[in-house]
């Protein structure tokens, strides 16, 4: 099995040349975020990932979390690794310094998150959910709740969860039945009762407290999503000094037996089976879903990031195997060579590589807009970047997770029969990646969100603003002799995206169902073109470095070669995706006939 090596050089290149590290560093509160700091943080993250976390990945797949008597024992090595992780201050990277965080931008935490996910996705899920819970409390909780919970969550002494899903309420949160009634003991507390399922790290042995954020209904709440409130429900109630005290009536009754991410305990949580689980209202009543989406949006970007991390790890292992495995004669070459030189294997390897680099660039560019939406001094710029991040999150989540599955599938294929057996470990990536297209909103939900809320609702304004930037990149590439053909191809792909966007704006309201039938096609088209756009930007920067002689020439040539492959072998999908999108009406009619 190939040893994981964090792609720090590529991460730094994308941060500097594509994602706009200098622009983020100029934002209020980011003045100390220079190249030296970013490089040092990535190097230290790489050390922890490569030496401590990555070796646990296969072990966690073989010996996953176990549950007995309402307690969960995590995979061998996880508890010690978490202590090192928490002691390093990694959870508080972007958190408010008032509560012990470091206040760094998302553009720094996102590449660090990729490294954690490549090292071991099952391990990375706990701090990811904790960060989401911190985000929700930071934005919506009272000063008292913030003071009681945030410092120890940010330090890693306590972890956090997100409790949405119920047996009867998966993606349809309007069906949530968990109840909250006033405790009537003068404490302003509520008693929570109900069952939640699929709760990532709902129980574990890392810390002495777990802080659950739970969606529930008050007795007088209106029906549907407008009647959901958010409550903070700790595993252990807090003493007057803020320490963990008596056990709350919230327990893990089982953990799921899953296809993958075996090291991550996915809990079934029972609240209030005895006296009632004590919880406190976060913010105002009946605004819980709104508050949870503060957490959900970041979680969706993080799931896209999981896809990048798994894809990178799968590619590294597959390349290592293909460079060692000798099988058959290679067409057009003399001598005995490894399978990496067979044309079809080279196609598969480059498909994995080019798409992984495109995904990485997309997620990092989204992170930059996340920072600008939060920190820009100008209100107009904040609004513009908020529209940009709202547009990109469903693409980053949906497209990156789908491509991660394709890349993991290809990894098994390159390994051949050795990929189908567990000894090589590559099958783990396919199993681990599978959930990424499902949780935090399936690909269909992301595609519907992109098409309906993010494109049709504003008449395509945010999408067309991004398309104009893509056109400018195509024109820039067309002006560079070595990259002219890339610019031409990108212009064609962008034209397909523009045509698809215009078609959605024109047809969505009058024929919503038929238009939505092609929503997944539109999401893939959008992601494919966005990936090409960012890879071409990478190549423009790489070519400039080659001309100036101020960069690693071999690295720059690799970036250009990767882009050219993507342009030749991936981008042409856009024409067929556009055609399928436009055939929504006849396809829906055909489906109605066939499925009646």
Protein backbone atom coordinates (compact mmCIF):
# COMPACT_ATOMS: atom_id res chain seq x y z
CA UNK A 1 0.00 0.00 0.00
CA UNK A 2 1.37 3.42 -0.98
CA UNK A 3 2.16 5.75 1.92
CA UNK A 4 0.08 8.94 1.82
CA UNK A 5 2.01 12.15 1.12
CA UNK A 6 0.08 15.40 1.47
CA UNK A 7 0.11 17.38 -1.84
CA UNK A 8 1.40 20.55 -0.19
CA UNK A 9 3.10 21.84 -3.33
CA UNK A 10 -0.09 21.66 -5.38
CA UNK A 11 -2.17 23.10 -2.56
CA UNK A 12 0.18 26.07 -2.27
CA UNK A 13 0.15 26.61 -6.03
CA UNK A 14 -3.66 26.67 -6.17
CA UNK A 15 -3.89 28.91 -3.11
CA UNK A 16 -1.47 31.45 -4.55
CA UNK A 17 -2.25 31.33 -8.26
CA UNK A 18 -5.94 30.42 -8.48
CA UNK A 19 -7.82 30.93 -5.21
CA UNK A 20 -6.36 34.37 -4.47
CA UNK A 21 -4.50 33.93 -1.21
CA UNK A 22 -3.19 37.49 -1.48
CA UNK A 23 -6.75 38.86 -1.71
CA UNK A 24 -7.88 36.92 1.35
CA UNK A 25 -4.78 37.99 3.26
CA UNK A 26 -5.79 41.61 2.61
CA UNK A 27 -9.19 41.13 4.31
CA UNK A 28 -9.81 42.60 7.78
CA UNK A 29 -8.54 40.19 10.41
CA UNK A 30 -6.37 38.24 7.96
CA UNK A 31 -3.35 40.54 7.90
CA UNK A 32 -1.01 37.87 9.29
CA UNK A 33 -2.06 35.23 6.78
CA UNK A 34 0.92 35.26 4.45
CA UNK A 35 2.60 32.58 2.38
CA UNK A 36 5.02 31.67 5.17
CA UNK A 37 2.22 31.11 7.71
CA UNK A 38 0.11 29.10 5.28
CA UNK A 39 3.06 26.96 4.24
CA UNK A 40 4.01 26.31 7.87
CA UNK A 41 0.45 25.31 8.79
CA UNK A 42 0.16 22.94 5.83
CA UNK A 43 3.51 21.36 6.60
CA UNK A 44 2.56 20.77 10.23
CA UNK A 45 -0.83 19.37 9.21
CA UNK A 46 0.96 17.09 6.76
CA UNK A 47 3.25 15.77 9.49
CA UNK A 48 0.35 14.89 11.78
CA UNK A 49 -1.65 13.39 8.91
CA UNK A 50 1.16 11.31 7.44
CA UNK A 51 2.69 10.09 10.70
CA UNK A 52 -0.31 9.72 13.02
CA UNK A 53 -3.67 9.69 11.20
CA UNK A 54 -3.03 8.05 7.81
CA UNK A 55 -1.66 4.80 9.30
CA UNK A 56 -5.02 4.36 11.07
CA UNK A 57 -7.07 4.43 7.87
CA UNK A 58 -6.91 0.74 6.95
CA UNK A 59 -7.05 -0.33 10.60
CA UNK A 60 -10.26 1.63 11.09
CA UNK A 61 -11.79 -0.04 8.05
CA UNK A 62 -11.02 -3.49 9.44
CA UNK A 63 -11.76 -2.73 13.10
CA UNK A 64 -14.49 -0.13 13.16
CA UNK A 65 -16.22 1.47 16.12
CA UNK A 66 -18.22 -0.81 18.43
CA UNK A 67 -21.15 -0.16 20.77
CA UNK A 68 -22.13 -1.90 23.99
CA UNK A 69 -24.26 -0.75 26.94
CA UNK A 70 -24.84 2.68 25.33
CA UNK A 71 -21.07 3.34 25.11
CA UNK A 72 -18.95 3.43 21.95
CA UNK A 73 -15.36 2.31 21.65
CA UNK A 74 -13.63 3.89 18.67
CA UNK A 75 -11.16 2.19 16.33
CA UNK A 76 -7.67 1.35 17.61
CA UNK A 77 -5.49 4.45 17.75
CA UNK A 78 -8.30 6.95 17.16
CA UNK A 79 -8.54 8.20 20.74
CA UNK A 80 -4.82 8.94 21.00
CA UNK A 81 -4.79 10.54 17.54
CA UNK A 82 -7.70 12.77 18.52
CA UNK A 83 -5.83 13.93 21.63
CA UNK A 84 -2.85 14.94 19.49
CA UNK A 85 -5.22 16.60 17.03
CA UNK A 86 -7.00 18.59 19.76
CA UNK A 87 -3.75 19.48 21.54
CA UNK A 88 -2.51 20.93 18.25
CA UNK A 89 -5.38 23.42 18.21
CA UNK A 90 -6.67 22.21 14.85
CA UNK A 91 -10.37 22.42 15.71
CA UNK A 92 -10.14 26.12 16.54
CA UNK A 93 -8.36 27.12 13.33
CA UNK A 94 -11.15 29.41 12.05
CA UNK A 95 -12.95 29.97 15.36
CA UNK A 96 -13.47 33.24 17.24
CA UNK A 97 -10.37 34.20 19.30
CA UNK A 98 -12.74 35.42 22.03
CA UNK A 99 -13.47 31.77 22.83
CA UNK A 100 -9.99 30.39 22.20
CA UNK A 101 -9.97 30.10 18.43
CA UNK A 102 -7.28 31.31 16.04
CA UNK A 103 -9.53 33.37 13.77
CA UNK A 104 -7.87 32.18 10.55
CA UNK A 105 -9.71 32.22 7.20
CA UNK A 106 -11.48 29.27 5.61
CA UNK A 107 -8.99 29.44 2.76
CA UNK A 108 -6.48 28.01 5.21
CA UNK A 109 -8.74 25.52 6.99
CA UNK A 110 -10.10 23.99 3.76
CA UNK A 111 -6.74 22.69 2.43
CA UNK A 112 -5.96 21.44 5.93
CA UNK A 113 -9.32 19.65 5.85
CA UNK A 114 -8.40 17.96 2.58
CA UNK A 115 -5.28 16.59 4.24
CA UNK A 116 -7.29 15.16 7.16
CA UNK A 117 -9.76 13.52 4.78
CA UNK A 118 -7.06 11.97 2.66
CA UNK A 119 -5.37 10.65 5.77
CA UNK A 120 -8.56 9.06 7.18
CA UNK A 121 -12.05 10.28 6.36
CA UNK A 122 -13.61 8.35 9.25
CA UNK A 123 -11.37 10.21 11.70
CA UNK A 124 -11.87 13.60 10.04
CA UNK A 125 -15.65 13.46 10.45
CA UNK A 126 -15.62 14.15 14.20
CA UNK A 127 -13.81 17.51 14.04
CA UNK A 128 -15.82 18.39 10.93
CA UNK A 129 -19.14 17.99 12.79
CA UNK A 130 -17.74 19.78 15.83
CA UNK A 131 -16.73 22.72 13.65
CA UNK A 132 -20.24 22.86 12.20
CA UNK A 133 -21.80 22.88 15.66
CA UNK A 134 -19.40 25.64 16.73
CA UNK A 135 -20.43 27.63 13.66
CA UNK A 136 -24.14 27.33 14.45
CA UNK A 137 -23.70 28.29 18.11
CA UNK A 138 -21.38 31.17 17.24
CA UNK A 139 -23.97 32.71 14.93
CA UNK A 140 -27.21 32.04 16.79
CA UNK A 141 -26.75 31.11 20.46
CA UNK A 142 -27.12 33.50 23.39
CA UNK A 143 -24.02 34.95 25.01
CA UNK A 144 -24.59 32.63 27.97
CA UNK A 145 -24.70 29.49 25.81
CA UNK A 146 -21.65 30.62 23.88
CA UNK A 147 -19.70 31.18 27.08
CA UNK A 148 -20.73 27.79 28.48
CA UNK A 149 -20.03 25.65 25.42
CA UNK A 150 -17.77 27.28 22.85
CA UNK A 151 -14.44 27.41 24.74
CA UNK A 152 -14.33 23.67 25.40
CA UNK A 153 -15.65 22.76 21.96
CA UNK A 154 -13.06 24.98 20.30
CA UNK A 155 -10.28 23.52 22.44
CA UNK A 156 -11.38 20.01 21.52
CA UNK A 157 -12.18 19.08 25.12
CA UNK A 158 -15.78 18.53 23.98
CA UNK A 159 -17.13 17.59 20.57
CA UNK A 160 -20.35 18.48 18.78
CA UNK A 161 -22.99 16.77 16.64
CA UNK A 162 -25.86 17.65 14.34
CA UNK A 163 -29.17 15.82 15.02
CA UNK A 164 -31.61 16.24 12.14
CA UNK A 165 -32.61 12.89 10.68
CA UNK A 166 -35.31 10.68 12.17
CA UNK A 167 -36.62 7.26 11.10
CA UNK A 168 -39.62 8.93 9.46
CA UNK A 169 -37.86 12.15 8.44
CA UNK A 170 -34.83 11.80 6.20
CA UNK A 171 -34.41 14.66 3.76
CA UNK A 172 -37.97 15.82 4.52
CA UNK A 173 -37.35 17.72 7.74
CA UNK A 174 -40.94 18.96 7.76
CA UNK A 175 -41.75 15.51 9.16
CA UNK A 176 -39.57 15.91 12.29
CA UNK A 177 -41.43 14.58 15.36
CA UNK A 178 -38.93 15.07 18.18
CA UNK A 179 -40.65 17.12 20.89
CA UNK A 180 -39.48 19.83 23.28
CA UNK A 181 -41.60 20.94 26.24
CA UNK A 182 -40.75 23.58 28.86
CA UNK A 183 -39.20 22.06 31.99
CA UNK A 184 -41.19 24.51 34.17
CA UNK A 185 -38.52 24.45 36.86
CA UNK A 186 -37.44 28.07 36.57
CA UNK A 187 -34.33 27.16 34.55
CA UNK A 188 -35.58 28.16 31.07
CA UNK A 189 -34.70 24.61 30.05
CA UNK A 190 -36.71 22.24 27.87
CA UNK A 191 -37.21 18.49 28.00
CA UNK A 192 -36.46 16.83 24.69
CA UNK A 193 -37.91 13.46 23.62
CA UNK A 194 -37.50 11.59 20.36
CA UNK A 195 -35.18 9.45 18.26
CA UNK A 196 -32.53 10.63 15.83
CA UNK A 197 -30.67 8.39 13.40
CA UNK A 198 -27.48 8.62 11.35
CA UNK A 199 -25.78 10.85 13.94
CA UNK A 200 -22.08 11.01 13.12
CA UNK A 201 -20.00 10.62 16.29
CA UNK A 202 -23.18 10.79 18.38
CA UNK A 203 -21.26 8.72 20.92
CA UNK A 204 -17.52 8.03 21.28
CA UNK A 205 -14.71 7.72 23.81
CA UNK A 206 -12.66 10.79 22.86
CA UNK A 207 -13.97 13.35 25.35
CA UNK A 208 -15.90 13.62 28.61
CA UNK A 209 -18.80 15.48 26.99
CA UNK A 210 -20.59 15.59 23.65
CA UNK A 211 -22.71 18.61 22.72
CA UNK A 212 -25.70 17.67 20.58
CA UNK A 213 -27.56 20.22 18.47
CA UNK A 214 -31.07 18.83 18.11
CA UNK A 215 -34.01 19.85 15.93
CA UNK A 216 -37.34 19.51 17.78
CA UNK A 217 -40.87 20.95 17.92
CA UNK A 218 -42.37 23.02 20.70
CA UNK A 219 -45.98 22.22 21.76
CA UNK A 220 -47.45 25.25 20.00
CA UNK A 221 -45.21 25.11 16.94
CA UNK A 222 -46.76 25.52 13.49
CA UNK A 223 -46.68 22.53 11.16
CA UNK A 224 -43.90 21.94 8.66
CA UNK A 225 -40.41 23.36 8.57
CA UNK A 226 -41.59 26.67 10.05
CA UNK A 227 -42.25 24.93 13.35
CA UNK A 228 -38.80 23.49 14.04
CA UNK A 229 -36.57 24.85 16.82
CA UNK A 230 -32.93 24.18 17.63
CA UNK A 231 -31.74 23.02 21.05
CA UNK A 232 -28.33 22.38 22.57
CA UNK A 233 -28.45 19.08 24.49
CA UNK A 234 -25.22 18.00 26.22
CA UNK A 235 -24.42 14.38 27.00
CA UNK A 236 -23.55 15.54 30.52
CA UNK A 237 -25.31 18.51 32.09
CA UNK A 238 -23.07 21.36 33.19
CA UNK A 239 -22.24 22.21 36.79
CA UNK A 240 -22.26 25.82 37.95
CA UNK A 241 -18.53 26.04 37.24
CA UNK A 242 -19.04 24.87 33.65
CA UNK A 243 -17.64 21.37 34.16
CA UNK A 244 -19.47 18.21 33.07
CA UNK A 245 -21.91 17.05 35.75
CA UNK A 246 -24.84 14.63 35.85
CA UNK A 247 -25.62 12.35 32.90
CA UNK A 248 -28.36 13.75 30.66
CA UNK A 249 -31.18 11.58 29.34
CA UNK A 250 -29.55 11.28 25.92
CA UNK A 251 -27.97 8.01 24.92
CA UNK A 252 -26.73 6.03 21.96
CA UNK A 253 -28.82 2.87 21.64
CA UNK A 254 -26.85 1.46 18.69
CA UNK A 255 -24.51 2.32 15.86
CA UNK A 256 -25.09 1.49 12.21
CA UNK A 257 -23.32 -1.33 10.34
CA UNK A 258 -22.25 0.50 7.21
CA UNK A 259 -20.78 0.05 3.76
CA UNK A 260 -17.79 2.24 4.60
CA UNK A 261 -16.22 4.78 7.00
CA UNK A 262 -16.30 2.03 9.62
CA UNK A 263 -14.17 4.03 12.04
CA UNK A 264 -16.84 6.74 12.27
CA UNK A 265 -19.60 5.71 14.71
CA UNK A 266 -22.99 6.55 13.17
CA UNK A 267 -25.33 6.57 16.15
CA UNK A 268 -29.00 6.04 16.78
CA UNK A 269 -29.69 8.58 19.54
CA UNK A 270 -32.58 8.27 21.98
CA UNK A 271 -33.54 11.47 23.79
CA UNK A 272 -35.83 11.54 26.81
CA UNK A 273 -36.66 7.88 27.29
CA UNK A 274 -36.68 8.34 31.07
CA UNK A 275 -36.98 11.83 32.57
CA UNK A 276 -36.50 13.87 29.40
CA UNK A 277 -33.27 15.14 27.91
CA UNK A 278 -32.53 18.63 29.21
CA UNK A 279 -31.84 21.12 26.45
CA UNK A 280 -31.69 24.87 25.92
CA UNK A 281 -33.21 26.79 23.05
CA UNK A 282 -30.74 28.25 20.57
CA UNK A 283 -31.90 31.67 19.37
CA UNK A 284 -35.61 32.13 18.74
CA UNK A 285 -38.30 29.48 18.67
CA UNK A 286 -39.33 28.01 15.29
CA UNK A 287 -36.17 29.19 13.52
CA UNK A 288 -34.19 26.00 14.05
CA UNK A 289 -33.99 24.93 10.43
CA UNK A 290 -32.72 28.37 9.45
CA UNK A 291 -30.06 28.14 12.16
CA UNK A 292 -29.11 24.59 11.26
CA UNK A 293 -28.47 25.64 7.69
CA UNK A 294 -25.64 27.82 8.98
CA UNK A 295 -24.10 24.53 9.94
CA UNK A 296 -25.44 22.65 6.93
CA UNK A 297 -23.91 24.92 4.28
CA UNK A 298 -20.45 24.58 5.76
CA UNK A 299 -21.03 20.85 6.18
CA UNK A 300 -21.93 20.57 2.49
CA UNK A 301 -18.73 22.30 1.48
CA UNK A 302 -16.90 19.96 3.84
CA UNK A 303 -18.48 16.93 2.16
CA UNK A 304 -17.23 18.18 -1.19
CA UNK A 305 -13.87 18.42 0.51
CA UNK A 306 -14.19 14.82 1.68
CA UNK A 307 -14.55 13.90 -1.96
CA UNK A 308 -11.32 15.70 -2.83
CA UNK A 309 -9.48 14.02 0.04
CA UNK A 310 -10.63 10.51 -0.85
CA UNK A 311 -9.91 11.12 -4.54
CA UNK A 312 -6.36 12.27 -3.80
CA UNK A 313 -5.64 9.26 -1.58
CA UNK A 314 -7.11 6.85 -4.14
CA UNK A 315 -5.05 8.44 -6.93
CA UNK A 316 -1.81 8.28 -4.97
CA UNK A 317 -2.28 4.60 -4.18
CA UNK A 318 -3.36 3.76 -7.71
CA UNK A 319 -0.43 5.56 -9.30
CA UNK A 320 1.97 3.78 -6.96
CA UNK A 321 0.47 0.39 -7.84
CA UNK A 322 0.43 1.10 -11.58
CA UNK A 323 4.10 2.11 -11.52
CA UNK A 324 5.04 -1.24 -9.94
CA UNK A 325 2.68 -3.75 -11.54
CA UNK A 326 4.13 -5.52 -14.60
CA UNK A 327 1.52 -7.00 -16.92
CA UNK A 328 1.59 -7.48 -20.71
CA UNK A 329 3.46 -5.65 -23.43
CA UNK A 330 2.93 -1.93 -23.88
CA UNK A 331 1.84 -0.82 -27.35
CA UNK A 332 4.41 1.36 -29.09
CA UNK A 333 7.15 0.83 -26.49
CA UNK A 334 10.07 -1.55 -26.15
CA UNK A 335 10.99 -3.63 -23.15
CA UNK A 336 9.11 -4.61 -20.01
CA UNK A 337 7.19 -1.74 -18.47
CA UNK A 338 4.65 -1.39 -15.65
CA UNK A 339 0.95 -1.08 -16.46
CA UNK A 340 1.09 2.70 -15.95
CA UNK A 341 2.40 2.88 -19.54
CA UNK A 342 -0.54 1.09 -21.15
CA UNK A 343 -2.59 3.76 -22.99
CA UNK A 344 -5.89 2.86 -21.31
CA UNK A 345 -4.30 2.83 -17.87
CA UNK A 346 -2.72 6.20 -18.60
CA UNK A 347 -6.18 7.43 -19.53
CA UNK A 348 -7.60 6.23 -16.23
CA UNK A 349 -4.73 7.66 -14.18
CA UNK A 350 -4.98 11.04 -15.88
CA UNK A 351 -8.75 11.06 -15.51
CA UNK A 352 -8.27 10.57 -11.76
CA UNK A 353 -5.52 13.18 -11.52
CA UNK A 354 -7.09 15.91 -13.64
CA UNK A 355 -10.48 15.66 -11.97
CA UNK A 356 -8.97 15.62 -8.48
CA UNK A 357 -7.01 18.80 -9.26
CA UNK A 358 -10.12 20.43 -10.72
CA UNK A 359 -12.14 19.50 -7.61
CA UNK A 360 -9.43 20.85 -5.32
CA UNK A 361 -9.36 24.17 -7.15
CA UNK A 362 -13.14 24.50 -7.03
CA UNK A 363 -13.36 23.90 -3.29
CA UNK A 364 -10.52 26.34 -2.58
CA UNK A 365 -12.07 29.04 -4.76
CA UNK A 366 -15.36 28.51 -2.90
CA UNK A 367 -13.50 28.89 0.41
CA UNK A 368 -12.08 32.22 -0.74
CA UNK A 369 -15.59 33.51 -1.46
CA UNK A 370 -16.70 32.23 1.96
CA UNK A 371 -14.04 34.42 3.56
CA UNK A 372 -14.84 37.44 1.41
CA UNK A 373 -18.57 37.14 2.13
CA UNK A 374 -17.80 37.25 5.85
CA UNK A 375 -14.93 39.75 5.97
CA UNK A 376 -15.00 42.23 3.06
CA UNK A 377 -15.24 45.81 4.29
CA UNK A 378 -17.55 46.75 1.42
CA UNK A 379 -21.15 45.59 1.86
CA UNK A 380 -21.63 45.22 -1.88
CA UNK A 381 -18.64 42.89 -2.13
CA UNK A 382 -19.90 40.84 0.81
CA UNK A 383 -23.26 40.45 -0.93
CA UNK A 384 -21.62 39.50 -4.24
CA UNK A 385 -19.47 36.83 -2.65
CA UNK A 386 -22.37 35.49 -0.60
CA UNK A 387 -24.24 34.97 -3.86
CA UNK A 388 -21.13 33.29 -5.27
CA UNK A 389 -20.73 30.89 -2.35
CA UNK A 390 -24.47 30.11 -2.34
CA UNK A 391 -24.10 29.18 -6.02
CA UNK A 392 -20.94 27.13 -5.59
CA UNK A 393 -21.83 25.10 -2.49
CA UNK A 394 -24.26 22.69 -4.24
CA UNK A 395 -21.77 22.33 -7.11
CA UNK A 396 -18.85 21.69 -4.76
CA UNK A 397 -20.84 19.21 -2.68
CA UNK A 398 -22.67 17.45 -5.50
CA UNK A 399 -20.07 17.40 -8.26
CA UNK A 400 -17.03 16.71 -6.09
CA UNK A 401 -18.74 13.85 -4.27
CA UNK A 402 -19.93 12.29 -7.53
CA UNK A 403 -16.47 12.58 -9.09
CA UNK A 404 -14.90 11.11 -5.95
CA UNK A 405 -17.05 8.02 -6.46
CA UNK A 406 -16.00 7.83 -10.10
CA UNK A 407 -12.34 8.23 -9.15
CA UNK A 408 -12.56 5.56 -6.45
CA UNK A 409 -14.26 3.25 -8.94
CA UNK A 410 -11.45 3.87 -11.41
CA UNK A 411 -8.88 3.15 -8.69
CA UNK A 412 -10.32 -0.35 -8.27
CA UNK A 413 -10.38 -0.81 -12.04
CA UNK A 414 -6.69 0.06 -12.44
CA UNK A 415 -5.82 -2.44 -9.72
CA UNK A 416 -7.76 -5.11 -11.59
CA UNK A 417 -8.48 -8.24 -9.57
CA UNK A 418 -6.16 -6.98 -6.84
CA UNK A 419 -8.49 -4.04 -6.37
CA UNK A 420 -11.48 -6.28 -5.70
CA UNK A 421 -9.87 -8.00 -2.74
CA UNK A 422 -9.29 -6.27 0.58
CA UNK A 423 -5.54 -6.82 0.91
CA UNK A 424 -4.63 -3.86 -1.29
CA UNK A 425 -7.01 -1.57 0.62
CA UNK A 426 -8.17 0.31 -2.48
CA UNK A 427 -11.74 -1.00 -2.20
CA UNK A 428 -12.02 1.02 1.01
CA UNK A 429 -11.95 4.27 -0.96
CA UNK A 430 -14.91 3.18 -3.06
CA UNK A 431 -16.86 2.18 0.04
CA UNK A 432 -15.90 5.32 1.98
CA UNK A 433 -16.71 7.65 -0.90
CA UNK A 434 -20.17 6.22 -1.47
CA UNK A 435 -21.85 8.09 1.39
CA UNK A 436 -20.60 11.48 0.22
CA UNK A 437 -23.25 11.69 -2.52
CA UNK A 438 -25.97 10.93 0.04
CA UNK A 439 -25.52 12.69 3.36
CA UNK A 440 -25.96 16.43 3.93
CA UNK A 441 -28.40 16.30 1.01
CA UNK A 442 -28.21 13.83 -1.88
CA UNK A 443 -26.90 14.80 -5.30
CA UNK A 444 -30.49 15.23 -6.45
CA UNK A 445 -31.18 17.65 -3.61
CA UNK A 446 -28.03 19.62 -4.45
CA UNK A 447 -28.97 19.68 -8.13
CA UNK A 448 -32.52 20.84 -7.41
CA UNK A 449 -31.15 23.52 -5.08
CA UNK A 450 -28.70 24.71 -7.74
CA UNK A 451 -31.31 24.82 -10.48
CA UNK A 452 -34.25 26.20 -8.53
CA UNK A 453 -32.97 28.36 -5.68
CA UNK A 454 -29.59 29.40 -7.06
CA UNK A 455 -30.27 29.89 -10.79
CA UNK A 456 -33.97 30.18 -11.60
CA UNK A 457 -34.85 32.27 -8.54
CA UNK A 458 -32.46 35.14 -9.42
CA UNK A 459 -32.92 34.84 -13.17
CA UNK A 460 -29.43 33.40 -13.54
CA UNK A 461 -27.73 36.54 -12.20
CA UNK A 462 -25.14 34.84 -9.97
CA UNK A 463 -24.46 32.11 -12.53
CA UNK A 464 -24.04 34.61 -15.37
CA UNK A 465 -21.67 36.72 -13.28
CA UNK A 466 -19.46 33.66 -12.85
CA UNK A 467 -19.83 32.77 -16.53
CA UNK A 468 -18.45 36.19 -17.45
CA UNK A 469 -15.33 35.45 -15.41
CA UNK A 470 -15.00 32.11 -17.19
CA UNK A 471 -15.25 33.85 -20.56
CA UNK A 472 -12.50 36.27 -19.52
CA UNK A 473 -10.22 33.33 -18.64
CA UNK A 474 -10.92 31.71 -22.01
CA UNK A 475 -10.01 34.95 -23.79
CA UNK A 476 -6.83 35.25 -21.72
CA UNK A 477 -5.79 31.70 -22.63
CA UNK A 478 -6.56 32.30 -26.30
CA UNK A 479 -4.02 35.12 -26.19
CA UNK A 480 -1.21 32.80 -25.06
CA UNK A 481 0.23 30.91 -28.03
CA UNK A 482 0.90 27.72 -26.09
CA UNK A 483 -2.60 27.71 -24.59
CA UNK A 484 -4.77 28.94 -27.47
CA UNK A 485 -6.43 25.58 -28.08
CA UNK A 486 -7.25 25.32 -24.37
CA UNK A 487 -8.86 28.73 -24.46
CA UNK A 488 -10.92 27.74 -27.50
CA UNK A 489 -12.12 24.55 -25.81
CA UNK A 490 -12.95 26.37 -22.58
CA UNK A 491 -14.94 28.96 -24.55
CA UNK A 492 -17.00 26.14 -26.04
CA UNK A 493 -17.67 24.57 -22.66
CA UNK A 494 -18.65 27.92 -21.18
CA UNK A 495 -21.02 28.50 -24.10
CA UNK A 496 -22.72 25.20 -23.24
CA UNK A 497 -23.05 26.28 -19.60
CA UNK A 498 -24.47 29.64 -20.68
CA UNK A 499 -26.98 27.95 -22.99
CA UNK A 500 -28.04 25.57 -20.21
CA UNK A 501 -28.41 28.41 -17.72
CA UNK A 502 -30.50 30.49 -20.13
CA UNK A 503 -32.69 27.46 -20.89
CA UNK A 504 -33.35 26.91 -17.17
CA UNK A 505 -34.29 30.55 -16.61
CA UNK A 506 -36.64 30.40 -19.56
CA UNK A 507 -38.34 27.08 -18.69
CA UNK A 508 -38.17 26.50 -14.93
CA UNK A 509 -41.32 28.37 -13.90
CA UNK A 510 -43.50 27.25 -16.79
CA UNK A 511 -42.38 23.61 -16.77
CA UNK A 512 -40.73 22.91 -13.43
CA UNK A 513 -40.96 19.10 -13.40
CA UNK A 514 -39.47 18.63 -16.86
CA UNK A 515 -36.72 21.09 -16.12
CA UNK A 516 -35.87 19.40 -12.83
CA UNK A 517 -35.56 16.05 -14.58
CA UNK A 518 -32.28 17.39 -15.95
CA UNK A 519 -31.05 19.03 -12.73
CA UNK A 520 -28.33 16.43 -12.16
CA UNK A 521 -27.13 16.95 -15.74
CA UNK A 522 -26.92 20.68 -15.12
CA UNK A 523 -24.98 20.21 -11.89
CA UNK A 524 -22.47 17.95 -13.65
CA UNK A 525 -22.23 20.37 -16.57
CA UNK A 526 -21.62 23.25 -14.17
CA UNK A 527 -18.96 21.35 -12.23
CA UNK A 528 -17.24 20.11 -15.38
CA UNK A 529 -16.97 23.62 -16.84
CA UNK A 530 -15.95 25.16 -13.52
CA UNK A 531 -13.21 22.56 -13.24
CA UNK A 532 -11.97 23.37 -16.73
CA UNK A 533 -12.04 27.10 -15.98
CA UNK A 534 -9.88 26.71 -12.89
CA UNK A 535 -7.45 24.28 -14.53
CA UNK A 536 -6.99 26.73 -17.41
CA UNK A 537 -6.28 29.46 -14.87
CA UNK A 538 -3.70 27.12 -13.36
CA UNK A 539 -2.11 26.62 -16.76
CA UNK A 540 -1.99 30.34 -17.47
CA UNK A 541 -0.09 30.83 -14.22
CA UNK A 542 2.17 27.85 -14.91
CA UNK A 543 2.97 29.06 -18.43
CA UNK A 544 3.82 32.52 -17.08
CA UNK A 545 6.25 30.93 -14.64
CA UNK A 546 7.86 28.92 -17.43
CA UNK A 547 8.35 32.06 -19.53
CA UNK A 548 9.74 34.01 -16.58
CA UNK A 549 11.89 31.12 -15.42
CA UNK A 550 10.85 31.63 -11.80
CA UNK A 551 9.09 28.35 -11.05
CA UNK A 552 9.65 24.60 -10.92
CA UNK A 553 9.66 23.89 -14.66
CA UNK A 554 8.73 20.20 -14.33
CA UNK A 555 5.84 21.01 -12.00
CA UNK A 556 4.57 23.75 -14.32
CA UNK A 557 4.68 21.45 -17.33
CA UNK A 558 2.74 18.85 -15.35
CA UNK A 559 0.04 21.41 -14.56
CA UNK A 560 -0.30 22.28 -18.23
CA UNK A 561 -0.36 18.60 -19.24
CA UNK A 562 -3.05 17.84 -16.68
CA UNK A 563 -5.20 20.69 -17.98
CA UNK A 564 -4.76 19.58 -21.57
CA UNK A 565 -5.92 16.07 -20.71
CA UNK A 566 -8.99 17.41 -18.90
CA UNK A 567 -9.80 19.68 -21.84
CA UNK A 568 -9.50 16.75 -24.27
CA UNK A 569 -11.14 13.96 -22.29
CA UNK A 570 -13.48 15.48 -19.69
CA UNK A 571 -14.76 18.85 -20.92
CA UNK A 572 -16.40 17.46 -24.11
CA UNK A 573 -19.09 15.94 -21.86
CA UNK A 574 -20.77 19.34 -21.71
CA UNK A 575 -22.32 19.09 -25.16
CA UNK A 576 -24.11 15.84 -24.36
CA UNK A 577 -25.17 17.08 -20.91
CA UNK A 578 -26.73 20.17 -22.49
CA UNK A 579 -28.60 18.00 -24.99
CA UNK A 580 -29.94 15.71 -22.25
CA UNK A 581 -31.01 18.70 -20.16
CA UNK A 582 -33.06 20.12 -23.01
CA UNK A 583 -34.81 16.79 -23.59
CA UNK A 584 -36.44 16.92 -20.15
CA UNK A 585 -40.03 17.13 -21.38
CA UNK A 586 -39.91 14.10 -23.65
CA UNK A 587 -37.84 12.16 -21.11
CA UNK A 588 -40.36 12.87 -18.35
CA UNK A 589 -43.21 11.77 -20.60
CA UNK A 590 -41.31 8.58 -21.39
CA UNK A 591 -40.69 7.94 -17.70
CA UNK A 592 -44.37 8.52 -16.89
CA UNK A 593 -45.34 5.92 -19.50
CA UNK A 594 -42.73 3.38 -18.47
CA UNK A 595 -43.25 3.69 -14.72
CA UNK A 596 -47.04 3.89 -14.71
